[in-house]
Amino acid sequence: MPPGVETSSAGLNPDAEEPLTAELVEWADLIFVMEKTQRAKLSARFRSSLKRARVVCLDIPDSFEFMDPELVRLLRAKVTPLLR
């Protein structure tokens, strides 16, 4: 992670371990979603809080297990250039 970058993780599903809140959306400068359907759900649910954040769809299927090596590789390849 580049110096000065703060991160947080949250989910859109009601049963998410850390559910996304309007406060977290308003805090963010950049929000990553895995799929287009997640982007649509985020926009519908948090439209009024999304005035500042840039939302980036990574086009990665949200079907990987936690810390799957292929998922980690894809995330590094797609996210790292956007953090510079």
Protein backbone atom coordinates (compact mmCIF):
# COMPACT_ATOMS: atom_id res chain seq x y z
CA MET A 1 0.00 0.00 0.00
CA PRO A 2 1.42 3.41 -0.89
CA PRO A 3 2.20 5.75 2.01
CA GLY A 4 -0.73 7.90 3.09
CA VAL A 5 -3.39 5.51 1.78
CA GLU A 6 -6.04 4.50 4.31
CA THR A 7 -8.34 1.60 3.54
CA SER A 8 -11.49 0.02 4.86
CA SER A 9 -13.59 -2.88 3.71
CA ALA A 10 -17.35 -3.30 3.89
CA GLY A 11 -20.05 -5.31 2.17
CA LEU A 12 -23.35 -4.47 0.54
CA ASN A 13 -25.22 -7.56 1.71
CA PRO A 14 -27.23 -7.30 4.94
CA ASP A 15 -25.31 -10.26 6.40
CA ALA A 16 -21.88 -8.75 5.65
CA GLU A 17 -19.39 -8.99 8.49
CA GLU A 18 -18.86 -5.22 8.13
CA PRO A 19 -21.93 -3.68 6.42
CA LEU A 20 -21.38 -0.57 4.31
CA THR A 21 -22.73 2.65 5.85
CA ALA A 22 -23.43 6.12 4.50
CA GLU A 23 -20.70 7.45 6.80
CA LEU A 24 -18.11 5.12 5.26
CA VAL A 25 -19.20 6.07 1.73
CA GLU A 26 -18.88 9.77 2.60
CA TRP A 27 -15.40 9.15 4.10
CA ALA A 28 -14.09 7.46 0.94
CA ASP A 29 -12.33 9.15 -1.96
CA LEU A 30 -12.29 5.96 -4.00
CA ILE A 31 -14.60 2.93 -3.75
CA PHE A 32 -13.87 -0.37 -5.46
CA VAL A 33 -16.58 -2.88 -6.32
CA MET A 34 -16.00 -6.27 -7.86
CA GLU A 35 -18.96 -6.43 -10.26
CA LYS A 36 -21.32 -4.11 -12.15
CA THR A 37 -24.28 -5.39 -10.14
CA GLN A 38 -22.52 -4.23 -6.96
CA ARG A 39 -21.96 -0.81 -8.50
CA ALA A 40 -25.68 -0.53 -9.28
CA LYS A 41 -26.61 -1.65 -5.76
CA LEU A 42 -24.15 0.86 -4.26
CA SER A 43 -25.54 3.70 -6.38
CA ALA A 44 -29.14 2.85 -5.58
CA ARG A 45 -28.61 2.50 -1.85
CA PHE A 46 -26.13 5.33 -1.23
CA ARG A 47 -26.82 7.84 -4.03
CA SER A 48 -26.98 10.84 -1.68
CA SER A 49 -23.69 9.86 0.00
CA LEU A 50 -21.77 9.30 -3.25
CA LYS A 51 -21.23 12.95 -4.11
CA ARG A 52 -17.45 12.86 -3.60
CA ALA A 53 -16.21 9.30 -4.02
CA ARG A 54 -15.10 7.85 -7.33
CA VAL A 55 -16.52 4.34 -7.82
CA VAL A 56 -14.43 1.87 -9.80
CA CYS A 57 -15.76 -1.47 -10.98
CA LEU A 58 -12.92 -4.00 -11.14
CA ASP A 59 -14.87 -6.50 -13.29
CA ILE A 60 -13.76 -9.40 -11.11
CA PRO A 61 -16.36 -12.10 -10.36
CA ASP A 62 -17.26 -12.00 -6.67
CA SER A 63 -16.97 -15.76 -6.39
CA PHE A 64 -13.47 -16.21 -4.96
CA GLU A 65 -12.74 -17.54 -1.49
CA PHE A 66 -11.15 -15.13 1.00
CA MET A 67 -7.48 -14.53 0.14
CA ASP A 68 -7.57 -16.83 -2.91
CA PRO A 69 -4.15 -16.37 -4.56
CA GLU A 70 -5.73 -15.64 -7.96
CA LEU A 71 -8.00 -13.00 -6.41
CA VAL A 72 -5.03 -11.37 -4.68
CA ARG A 73 -3.14 -11.31 -8.00
CA LEU A 74 -6.11 -9.75 -9.83
CA LEU A 75 -6.65 -7.14 -7.12
CA ARG A 76 -2.97 -6.15 -7.10
CA ALA A 77 -2.96 -5.85 -10.90
CA LYS A 78 -6.13 -3.75 -11.09
CA VAL A 79 -6.04 -1.67 -7.90
CA THR A 80 -2.35 -0.77 -7.47
CA PRO A 81 -2.12 1.46 -10.58
CA LEU A 82 -5.16 3.44 -9.39
CA LEU A 83 -3.53 4.25 -6.03
CA ARG A 84 -0.50 6.02 -7.45
